[in-house]
Amino acid sequence: MKTCLRLLLLGVIVFGWPVGGVNAAGSLVVTPDTPTITVGQTQQFSASGVSPAIAVSGGGFHTCALLADGTVHCWGRNDYGQLGNGTSVSSPTALAVPGIATAIAVSAGGYHTCALLADGRILCWGADDFGQLGNGTRTHSSTVPVEVAGITTATAVSAGAFHTCAVLADGSVRCWGWNDLGQLGNGTVLASATPTQVTGIYTASTVSAGGYHTCAVLADGSMRCWGRNDNGQLGNGTFTPSAVAAGMGAGGAVPVPTVVVGISTAVAASSGFMHTCAVLSEATVRCWGWNAYGQFGNGTAAGSAIPTEPVGLDPTSAVSASEWHTCALLSGGALRCWGSNDYGQLGNGSTTPAFTPVAVSGVTAATSITTGNIHTCALLSDGAVQCWGSNDYGQLGDGTTTQSSVPVTVIGSRVTWASSDPGVATIDTTGLATGAAPGSSTITASSWDRCGSTTLTVASL
């Protein structure tokens, strides 16, 4: 077995021998090692050491994946360092975030990204104009991960447009970053570069930071939201902007989160730019807030300050709300999307908007769904990641900047095979090589930022 180094040059994958060491993530082992076949004979190769993706998160114009080995890989826009690789150069292919090896969750925000580590700490990188990295500074950005101050027991993290929130092991919620509309939920409209406690929440199970508002699901299935509310995105029955996470008690100054009306069995929530959606325990979906582009999926463009139900959805296990569109994962693994579709972000092969759910083309075995600003990605049951929609910054991860209205596979999320000399031996996408002429060829397998190779000898008949 030979170790190879995968280099990314101008979006082109080049394979070669190590220069100054092997790739940091390790290498794949290709078997069988150095086999010999004859012309016309086939040889099946396999690769071990592959670490599949177990989560994916779409940000403003970038995407990140969490691998089973605890590493994080990101691709797309990088002008604020949101890819976390120490540069500000965008990439249409996935790049590993250095120094992260024990992540258990990742969340891509507007122009920043955060990862939750196994020990309860949080690392963030990218834009920091409003303190959204949470390390006590308000610099322009950080191109490498920095640790969020004072958090050691986090169980969930969510990066919003310009703020970030986390759930702690005791059920409380901390938020930091921009706060002009009360999205930090601490009773003020002052930005904070360090985590502040959301008032009155002690039993949160999940949190979702949106454009300028935030929502949490509580252990009893009810929901609380706070922040901007001019479009009813807090779901409390009003369209009044809310400067604090407050129920409207006497004087309108009760510093507790706003109750989402009619929700008592929520299991997950997703805060979009100006709308919110939730999955209920009975596998149905509710959405509320801004609906000008059909983000509710209920066949209308009318907004609502109370939860409404999309039409025609089969049992649903997950939902993801973006700025102008929404997508859902059905319990059987299929996907449905609705709303704006100018960039093909609904994934149905068109750019026509849909006010009711439409099927994403060709996806039948998804395990999670995530929406970026104007792109969408899904994790499949085999660990592969597929994306569709806008691709100006390479956020689809397919090595191009060409938008796609149907899912394309992120390079590296499936093992890819290559033969150094196809005239001697060809190899297909499954690793099956066929001898073409006498000689030798290097067979290389690659996955994410690691690869491995061996030599195949083809003998005369």
Protein backbone atom coordinates (compact mmCIF):
# COMPACT_ATOMS: atom_id res chain seq x y z
CA MET A 1 0.00 0.00 0.00
CA LYS A 2 1.23 3.47 -0.87
CA THR A 3 0.22 6.68 0.84
CA CYS A 4 -0.78 9.52 -1.42
CA LEU A 5 -1.29 13.22 -0.90
CA ARG A 6 -4.40 14.89 -2.23
CA LEU A 7 -3.71 18.42 -3.37
CA LEU A 8 -6.35 20.96 -4.37
CA LEU A 9 -5.09 23.29 -7.06
CA LEU A 10 -7.55 25.74 -8.58
CA GLY A 11 -10.37 23.32 -7.89
CA VAL A 12 -8.61 20.46 -9.73
CA ILE A 13 -7.83 17.31 -7.77
CA VAL A 14 -4.24 16.20 -8.25
CA PHE A 15 -2.75 13.05 -6.79
CA GLY A 16 0.91 12.66 -5.97
CA TRP A 17 3.40 11.36 -3.46
CA PRO A 18 3.90 13.06 -0.10
CA VAL A 19 6.03 16.17 0.07
CA GLY A 20 6.97 17.00 3.64
CA GLY A 21 4.58 14.44 5.17
CA VAL A 22 1.19 12.87 4.59
CA ASN A 23 -2.19 14.54 4.86
CA ALA A 24 -3.14 15.33 8.44
CA ALA A 25 -6.31 13.28 8.43
CA GLY A 26 -4.43 10.05 7.63
CA SER A 27 -4.73 7.84 4.61
CA LEU A 28 -6.91 5.17 3.09
CA VAL A 29 -5.75 1.59 2.69
CA VAL A 30 -6.47 0.13 -0.74
CA THR A 31 -6.80 -3.65 -0.98
CA PRO A 32 -5.73 -5.99 -2.40
CA ASP A 33 -2.18 -4.65 -2.37
CA THR A 34 -0.16 -4.78 -5.63
CA PRO A 35 -2.24 -7.43 -7.40
CA THR A 36 -1.53 -8.80 -10.87
CA ILE A 37 -4.18 -9.57 -13.48
CA THR A 38 -4.14 -10.35 -17.18
CA VAL A 39 -5.54 -8.32 -20.06
CA GLY A 40 -9.32 -8.48 -19.97
CA GLN A 41 -9.42 -9.70 -16.39
CA THR A 42 -11.06 -7.65 -13.62
CA GLN A 43 -10.00 -6.84 -10.08
CA GLN A 44 -12.30 -5.48 -7.38
CA PHE A 45 -10.60 -2.97 -5.07
CA SER A 46 -11.84 -1.70 -1.73
CA ALA A 47 -10.73 1.11 0.57
CA SER A 48 -10.65 1.12 4.36
CA GLY A 49 -10.17 4.12 6.62
CA VAL A 50 -13.09 5.98 5.05
CA SER A 51 -14.90 8.32 7.46
CA PRO A 52 -18.40 9.15 6.18
CA ALA A 53 -20.27 12.37 6.81
CA ILE A 54 -22.76 12.18 9.68
CA ALA A 55 -24.11 15.76 9.55
CA VAL A 56 -24.23 18.67 7.11
CA SER A 57 -25.06 22.35 7.62
CA GLY A 58 -25.75 25.01 4.99
CA GLY A 59 -24.75 28.60 5.76
CA GLY A 60 -25.16 31.85 3.89
CA PHE A 61 -23.05 30.84 0.91
CA HIS A 62 -20.98 28.02 2.36
CA THR A 63 -21.54 24.49 3.61
CA CYS A 64 -19.90 22.32 6.26
CA ALA A 65 -19.97 18.61 7.01
CA LEU A 66 -19.16 16.69 10.17
CA LEU A 67 -17.44 13.36 9.61
CA ALA A 68 -17.73 10.27 11.79
CA ASP A 69 -14.14 10.71 12.98
CA GLY A 70 -14.95 14.10 14.52
CA THR A 71 -13.37 16.24 11.82
CA VAL A 72 -15.14 19.08 10.01
CA HIS A 73 -14.89 19.93 6.32
CA CYS A 74 -16.22 23.11 4.70
CA TRP A 75 -16.56 24.53 1.19
CA GLY A 76 -17.94 27.59 -0.62
CA ARG A 77 -17.59 31.28 0.22
CA ASN A 78 -14.65 32.17 2.45
CA ASP A 79 -14.14 35.94 2.41
CA TYR A 80 -14.56 36.03 6.20
CA GLY A 81 -12.69 32.80 6.83
CA GLN A 82 -15.92 30.88 7.33
CA LEU A 83 -14.27 27.72 5.97
CA GLY A 84 -11.86 27.80 8.90
CA ASN A 85 -8.76 26.73 6.98
CA GLY A 86 -6.63 29.79 7.72
CA THR A 87 -7.32 31.56 4.42
CA SER A 88 -9.97 33.82 2.92
CA VAL A 89 -10.03 32.05 -0.45
CA SER A 90 -13.32 30.45 -1.47
CA SER A 91 -13.26 26.78 -2.46
CA PRO A 92 -15.62 24.68 -4.62
CA THR A 93 -14.29 21.53 -2.95
CA ALA A 94 -14.30 20.48 0.69
CA LEU A 95 -11.40 21.55 2.91
CA ALA A 96 -10.64 20.21 6.38
CA VAL A 97 -10.83 22.64 9.30
CA PRO A 98 -7.43 22.26 11.00
CA GLY A 99 -7.31 21.44 14.69
CA ILE A 100 -10.78 19.91 15.01
CA ALA A 101 -10.86 16.17 15.68
CA THR A 102 -13.60 15.69 18.31
CA ALA A 103 -16.59 17.59 16.93
CA ILE A 104 -20.07 16.17 17.50
CA ALA A 105 -22.07 18.91 15.75
CA VAL A 106 -21.49 21.71 13.25
CA SER A 107 -23.57 24.77 12.37
CA ALA A 108 -22.91 27.10 9.43
CA GLY A 109 -24.26 30.63 9.88
CA GLY A 110 -24.47 33.65 7.62
CA TYR A 111 -20.73 34.29 7.42
CA HIS A 112 -19.41 32.23 10.33
CA THR A 113 -19.38 28.63 11.48
CA CYS A 114 -19.35 26.88 14.86
CA ALA A 115 -18.58 23.35 16.00
CA LEU A 116 -19.58 21.64 19.23
CA LEU A 117 -16.86 19.42 20.67
CA ALA A 118 -17.33 16.18 22.58
CA ASP A 119 -16.14 17.81 25.81
CA GLY A 120 -18.89 20.46 25.69
CA ARG A 121 -16.77 23.32 24.39
CA ILE A 122 -17.60 25.30 21.24
CA LEU A 123 -15.21 26.57 18.57
CA CYS A 124 -16.24 29.23 16.04
CA TRP A 125 -14.60 30.89 13.04
CA GLY A 126 -15.41 33.40 10.30
CA ALA A 127 -17.06 36.82 10.60
CA ASP A 128 -16.85 38.48 14.02
CA ASP A 129 -18.06 42.03 13.40
CA PHE A 130 -20.71 41.70 16.10
CA GLY A 131 -18.94 39.27 18.41
CA GLN A 132 -20.66 36.22 16.93
CA LEU A 133 -17.56 34.07 17.54
CA GLY A 134 -18.09 34.52 21.26
CA ASN A 135 -14.45 34.79 22.34
CA GLY A 136 -14.70 38.28 23.79
CA THR A 137 -13.54 40.21 20.73
CA ARG A 138 -15.25 42.06 17.91
CA THR A 139 -12.68 41.82 15.16
CA HIS A 140 -13.46 41.66 11.46
CA SER A 141 -13.04 37.90 11.35
CA SER A 142 -10.99 34.86 12.29
CA THR A 143 -9.91 32.41 9.60
CA VAL A 144 -9.16 29.72 12.19
CA PRO A 145 -11.29 28.33 15.03
CA VAL A 146 -11.40 30.24 18.33
CA GLU A 147 -12.95 29.01 21.55
CA VAL A 148 -16.22 30.49 22.81
CA ALA A 149 -15.61 31.98 26.24
CA GLY A 150 -16.97 30.27 29.32
CA ILE A 151 -18.86 27.41 27.70
CA THR A 152 -17.85 23.89 28.76
CA THR A 153 -21.17 22.00 28.95
CA ALA A 154 -22.90 22.74 25.64
CA THR A 155 -25.19 20.12 24.15
CA ALA A 156 -26.23 22.00 20.99
CA VAL A 157 -25.09 25.00 18.95
CA SER A 158 -26.76 27.09 16.25
CA ALA A 159 -25.14 29.81 14.14
CA GLY A 160 -27.53 32.47 12.86
CA ALA A 161 -27.00 35.32 10.43
CA PHE A 162 -24.91 37.43 12.82
CA HIS A 163 -25.44 35.75 16.19
CA THR A 164 -24.95 32.34 17.76
CA CYS A 165 -26.76 30.37 20.45
CA ALA A 166 -26.10 27.21 22.46
CA VAL A 167 -28.01 24.93 24.79
CA LEU A 168 -26.18 23.91 27.96
CA ALA A 169 -26.46 20.62 29.83
CA ASP A 170 -28.65 22.25 32.48
CA GLY A 171 -31.26 23.24 29.86
CA SER A 172 -30.40 26.92 29.83
CA VAL A 173 -29.55 28.82 26.64
CA ARG A 174 -26.67 31.18 25.94
CA CYS A 175 -26.49 33.57 22.96
CA TRP A 176 -23.90 36.04 21.69
CA GLY A 177 -23.28 38.39 18.76
CA TRP A 178 -25.57 40.98 17.18
CA ASN A 179 -28.59 41.98 19.26
CA ASP A 180 -30.20 45.03 17.68
CA LEU A 181 -33.60 43.30 17.66
CA GLY A 182 -33.26 41.33 20.86
CA GLN A 183 -32.15 38.10 19.23
CA LEU A 184 -29.90 37.29 22.21
CA GLY A 185 -32.94 37.15 24.46
CA ASN A 186 -31.31 38.77 27.49
CA GLY A 187 -33.67 41.73 27.83
CA THR A 188 -31.41 44.22 26.04
CA VAL A 189 -30.61 45.28 22.48
CA LEU A 190 -26.86 45.46 23.08
CA ALA A 191 -24.49 43.22 21.16
CA SER A 192 -22.32 40.88 23.19
CA ALA A 193 -18.99 39.28 22.26
CA THR A 194 -19.37 36.72 25.04
CA PRO A 195 -22.26 34.37 25.84
CA THR A 196 -25.21 35.86 27.71
CA GLN A 197 -28.05 33.90 29.29
CA VAL A 198 -31.47 33.90 27.67
CA THR A 199 -34.00 35.00 30.25
CA GLY A 200 -36.33 32.42 31.71
CA ILE A 201 -35.36 29.30 29.77
CA TYR A 202 -34.20 26.33 31.86
CA THR A 203 -35.45 23.22 30.03
CA ALA A 204 -34.41 23.75 26.41
CA SER A 205 -33.64 20.70 24.29
CA THR A 206 -32.69 22.49 21.08
CA VAL A 207 -32.16 26.05 19.85
CA SER A 208 -32.21 27.58 16.38
CA ALA A 209 -30.71 30.99 15.58
CA GLY A 210 -32.25 32.64 12.52
CA GLY A 211 -31.83 35.93 10.71
CA TYR A 212 -32.72 38.26 13.57
CA HIS A 213 -34.69 35.97 15.85
CA THR A 214 -34.14 32.79 17.80
CA CYS A 215 -36.36 29.89 18.86
CA ALA A 216 -35.97 27.09 21.38
CA VAL A 217 -37.82 23.81 21.84
CA LEU A 218 -38.41 22.98 25.49
CA ALA A 219 -38.42 19.53 27.07
CA ASP A 220 -42.23 19.57 27.33
CA GLY A 221 -42.64 20.13 23.57
CA SER A 222 -43.58 23.78 23.81
CA MET A 223 -41.59 26.50 22.07
CA ARG A 224 -40.26 29.94 22.91
CA CYS A 225 -39.05 32.55 20.41
CA TRP A 226 -37.52 36.01 20.75
CA GLY A 227 -36.10 38.84 18.66
CA ARG A 228 -37.47 40.39 15.49
CA ASN A 229 -41.21 39.96 15.01
CA ASP A 230 -42.38 42.35 12.31
CA ASN A 231 -43.49 39.39 10.21
CA GLY A 232 -44.85 37.28 13.03
CA GLN A 233 -41.79 35.03 13.09
CA LEU A 234 -42.07 34.61 16.86
CA GLY A 235 -45.38 32.82 16.42
CA ASN A 236 -47.06 34.53 19.36
CA GLY A 237 -50.05 35.83 17.43
CA THR A 238 -48.71 39.37 16.94
CA PHE A 239 -46.74 41.25 14.32
CA THR A 240 -45.19 43.63 16.84
CA PRO A 241 -41.38 43.84 16.87
CA SER A 242 -40.07 42.41 20.11
CA ALA A 243 -36.93 43.92 21.61
CA VAL A 244 -36.74 41.26 24.30
CA ALA A 245 -37.77 37.65 24.62
CA ALA A 246 -40.82 38.72 26.56
CA GLY A 247 -44.37 37.62 27.06
CA MET A 248 -46.57 40.69 26.86
CA GLY A 249 -47.52 40.98 30.52
CA ALA A 250 -48.28 44.14 32.49
CA GLY A 251 -46.43 47.04 30.93
CA GLY A 252 -45.12 44.76 28.17
CA ALA A 253 -41.87 44.21 30.02
CA VAL A 254 -42.02 40.67 31.40
CA PRO A 255 -38.51 39.38 30.56
CA VAL A 256 -39.44 35.85 29.57
CA PRO A 257 -39.48 34.24 26.13
CA THR A 258 -42.56 34.54 23.95
CA VAL A 259 -44.70 31.42 23.82
CA VAL A 260 -45.40 30.06 20.33
CA VAL A 261 -49.15 29.62 20.28
CA GLY A 262 -50.62 26.20 19.66
CA ILE A 263 -47.33 24.28 19.80
CA SER A 264 -47.10 21.66 22.56
CA THR A 265 -45.46 18.65 20.91
CA ALA A 266 -42.47 20.11 19.03
CA VAL A 267 -39.39 17.91 18.63
CA ALA A 268 -37.33 20.20 16.39
CA ALA A 269 -37.37 23.78 15.08
CA SER A 270 -35.65 25.77 12.37
CA SER A 271 -35.45 29.57 12.33
CA GLY A 272 -35.10 31.04 8.85
CA PHE A 273 -34.45 34.64 7.92
CA MET A 274 -37.95 35.86 8.77
CA HIS A 275 -39.96 32.67 9.21
CA THR A 276 -39.84 29.66 11.49
CA CYS A 277 -40.85 26.03 11.13
CA ALA A 278 -41.18 23.15 13.58
CA VAL A 279 -41.62 19.39 13.42
CA LEU A 280 -44.18 17.97 15.85
CA SER A 281 -44.08 14.57 17.52
CA GLU A 282 -46.91 13.37 15.30
CA ALA A 283 -44.56 13.89 12.30
CA THR A 284 -46.31 17.00 10.99
CA VAL A 285 -44.85 20.45 10.26
CA ARG A 286 -45.92 23.94 11.23
CA CYS A 287 -44.55 27.24 9.85
CA TRP A 288 -45.13 30.91 10.67
CA GLY A 289 -43.80 34.39 9.91
CA TRP A 290 -42.93 35.73 6.45
CA ASN A 291 -44.50 33.89 3.52
CA ALA A 292 -44.16 36.15 0.48
CA TYR A 293 -42.45 33.39 -1.51
CA GLY A 294 -44.56 30.50 -0.26
CA GLN A 295 -42.16 29.51 2.53
CA PHE A 296 -45.04 27.95 4.50
CA GLY A 297 -45.94 25.49 1.75
CA ASN A 298 -49.64 26.04 2.38
CA GLY A 299 -50.50 27.26 -1.11
CA THR A 300 -50.62 30.97 -0.25
CA ALA A 301 -48.28 33.95 0.05
CA ALA A 302 -49.99 35.33 3.15
CA GLY A 303 -47.88 35.68 6.26
CA SER A 304 -49.05 34.44 9.63
CA ALA A 305 -48.19 35.18 13.25
CA ILE A 306 -49.51 31.77 14.28
CA PRO A 307 -48.37 28.32 13.08
CA THR A 308 -49.83 27.02 9.82
CA GLU A 309 -49.47 23.60 8.23
CA PRO A 310 -47.95 22.88 4.79
CA VAL A 311 -50.25 20.94 2.50
CA GLY A 312 -49.67 17.44 1.22
CA LEU A 313 -46.68 16.46 3.34
CA ASP A 314 -46.25 12.81 4.25
CA PRO A 315 -44.94 12.04 7.76
CA THR A 316 -41.92 14.25 8.34
CA SER A 317 -38.86 13.84 10.55
CA ALA A 318 -36.95 17.09 9.94
CA VAL A 319 -37.43 20.59 8.52
CA SER A 320 -35.04 23.38 7.52
CA ALA A 321 -36.10 27.01 6.98
CA SER A 322 -34.00 29.38 4.87
CA GLU A 323 -34.57 32.95 3.75
CA TRP A 324 -36.91 32.31 0.83
CA HIS A 325 -37.49 28.56 0.86
CA THR A 326 -38.08 25.61 3.17
CA CYS A 327 -37.30 21.90 2.90
CA ALA A 328 -38.44 18.80 4.78
CA LEU A 329 -37.12 15.28 5.23
CA LEU A 330 -39.88 12.71 5.04
CA SER A 331 -39.79 9.74 7.36
CA GLY A 332 -39.07 7.40 4.44
CA GLY A 333 -35.98 9.32 3.28
CA ALA A 334 -37.48 11.38 0.45
CA LEU A 335 -37.25 15.18 0.41
CA ARG A 336 -39.76 17.94 -0.25
CA CYS A 337 -39.02 21.65 -0.74
CA TRP A 338 -41.13 24.74 -1.37
CA GLY A 339 -40.84 28.51 -1.79
CA SER A 340 -38.54 30.55 -4.02
CA ASN A 341 -36.67 28.61 -6.69
CA ASP A 342 -34.75 31.20 -8.72
CA TYR A 343 -31.52 29.24 -8.35
CA GLY A 344 -32.97 25.74 -8.40
CA GLN A 345 -32.80 25.49 -4.61
CA LEU A 346 -35.93 23.32 -4.53
CA GLY A 347 -34.03 20.61 -6.38
CA ASN A 348 -36.85 19.53 -8.67
CA GLY A 349 -35.11 20.29 -11.97
CA SER A 350 -36.73 23.68 -12.51
CA THR A 351 -36.44 27.29 -11.40
CA THR A 352 -40.18 27.76 -10.96
CA PRO A 353 -41.33 28.73 -7.45
CA ALA A 354 -43.60 26.36 -5.57
CA PHE A 355 -46.20 27.37 -2.99
CA THR A 356 -46.74 23.74 -2.02
CA PRO A 357 -44.13 21.01 -1.45
CA VAL A 358 -42.41 19.48 -4.48
CA ALA A 359 -40.21 16.39 -4.59
CA VAL A 360 -36.43 16.77 -4.78
CA SER A 361 -35.29 14.83 -7.84
CA GLY A 362 -33.68 11.46 -7.29
CA VAL A 363 -33.30 11.53 -3.50
CA THR A 364 -34.92 8.59 -1.73
CA ALA A 365 -32.52 7.76 1.11
CA ALA A 366 -31.74 11.04 2.87
CA THR A 367 -31.09 11.14 6.61
CA SER A 368 -30.93 14.92 7.10
CA ILE A 369 -31.70 18.17 5.28
CA THR A 370 -30.22 21.67 5.53
CA THR A 371 -30.94 24.91 3.70
CA GLY A 372 -28.40 27.61 3.01
CA ASN A 373 -29.34 31.07 1.85
CA ILE A 374 -30.18 30.02 -1.72
CA HIS A 375 -28.86 26.46 -1.79
CA THR A 376 -29.83 23.20 -0.14
CA CYS A 377 -27.93 20.08 0.92
CA ALA A 378 -28.82 16.62 2.17
CA LEU A 379 -26.96 13.80 3.86
CA LEU A 380 -27.69 10.37 2.39
CA SER A 381 -27.78 7.05 4.20
CA ASP A 382 -24.45 5.98 2.67
CA GLY A 383 -22.70 9.06 4.08
CA ALA A 384 -22.63 10.94 0.80
CA VAL A 385 -23.63 14.61 0.67
CA GLN A 386 -25.63 16.10 -2.19
CA CYS A 387 -26.35 19.79 -2.78
CA TRP A 388 -28.32 21.90 -5.25
CA GLY A 389 -29.20 25.52 -6.00
CA SER A 390 -26.92 28.56 -6.21
CA ASN A 391 -23.22 27.82 -6.61
CA ASP A 392 -21.53 31.17 -7.21
CA TYR A 393 -19.00 30.49 -4.46
CA GLY A 394 -18.75 26.72 -4.85
CA GLN A 395 -21.20 26.04 -2.01
CA LEU A 396 -22.44 22.90 -3.77
CA GLY A 397 -19.00 21.35 -3.34
CA ASP A 398 -18.89 19.66 -6.73
CA GLY A 399 -15.71 21.39 -7.89
CA THR A 400 -17.55 23.96 -10.01
CA THR A 401 -19.33 27.28 -9.60
CA THR A 402 -22.24 26.23 -11.80
CA GLN A 403 -25.68 26.31 -10.23
CA SER A 404 -27.77 23.14 -10.36
CA SER A 405 -31.50 22.59 -10.06
CA VAL A 406 -30.95 18.91 -9.27
CA PRO A 407 -28.75 17.32 -6.59
CA VAL A 408 -25.03 16.99 -7.30
CA THR A 409 -22.64 14.96 -5.16
CA VAL A 410 -20.07 16.77 -3.04
CA ILE A 411 -16.60 15.70 -4.14
CA GLY A 412 -15.06 13.42 -1.55
CA SER A 413 -18.28 12.46 0.18
CA ARG A 414 -18.18 9.18 -1.72
CA VAL A 415 -15.01 7.21 -2.40
CA THR A 416 -13.72 8.06 -5.86
CA TRP A 417 -11.39 5.83 -7.84
CA ALA A 418 -8.76 6.75 -10.43
CA SER A 419 -6.25 4.90 -12.60
CA SER A 420 -3.01 6.69 -13.45
CA ASP A 421 -2.90 4.97 -16.85
CA PRO A 422 -6.32 4.08 -18.28
CA GLY A 423 -4.53 2.62 -21.28
CA VAL A 424 -3.25 -0.12 -18.99
CA ALA A 425 -6.23 -0.43 -16.65
CA THR A 426 -9.56 1.31 -16.29
CA ILE A 427 -11.52 1.54 -13.05
CA ASP A 428 -15.19 2.32 -12.48
CA THR A 429 -16.95 4.19 -9.69
CA THR A 430 -17.26 1.03 -7.58
CA GLY A 431 -13.52 0.24 -7.62
CA LEU A 432 -13.73 -2.49 -10.26
CA ALA A 433 -10.59 -2.38 -12.45
CA THR A 434 -10.24 -3.99 -15.88
CA GLY A 435 -6.93 -4.82 -17.51
CA ALA A 436 -6.58 -3.14 -20.92
CA ALA A 437 -2.93 -3.65 -21.92
CA PRO A 438 0.29 -5.01 -20.38
CA GLY A 439 1.95 -2.62 -17.93
CA SER A 440 1.31 -1.12 -14.52
CA SER A 441 -1.04 1.58 -13.26
CA THR A 442 -1.45 3.29 -9.90
CA ILE A 443 -4.96 2.78 -8.52
CA THR A 444 -5.98 5.60 -6.18
CA ALA A 445 -8.96 5.88 -3.84
CA SER A 446 -9.88 9.24 -2.32
CA SER A 447 -12.45 10.42 0.21
CA TRP A 448 -12.61 13.93 1.63
CA ASP A 449 -8.99 14.97 2.33
CA ARG A 450 -7.45 11.52 2.46
CA CYS A 451 -6.44 8.98 -0.11
CA GLY A 452 -4.55 5.74 -0.63
CA SER A 453 -3.17 3.86 -3.59
CA THR A 454 -1.61 0.65 -4.80
CA THR A 455 -0.04 -0.62 -8.01
CA LEU A 456 -1.98 -2.85 -10.36
CA THR A 457 0.11 -4.91 -12.78
CA VAL A 458 -1.49 -6.13 -16.00
CA ALA A 459 0.22 -9.10 -17.62
CA SER A 460 -0.11 -10.44 -21.15
CA LEU A 461 -2.46 -13.31 -21.77
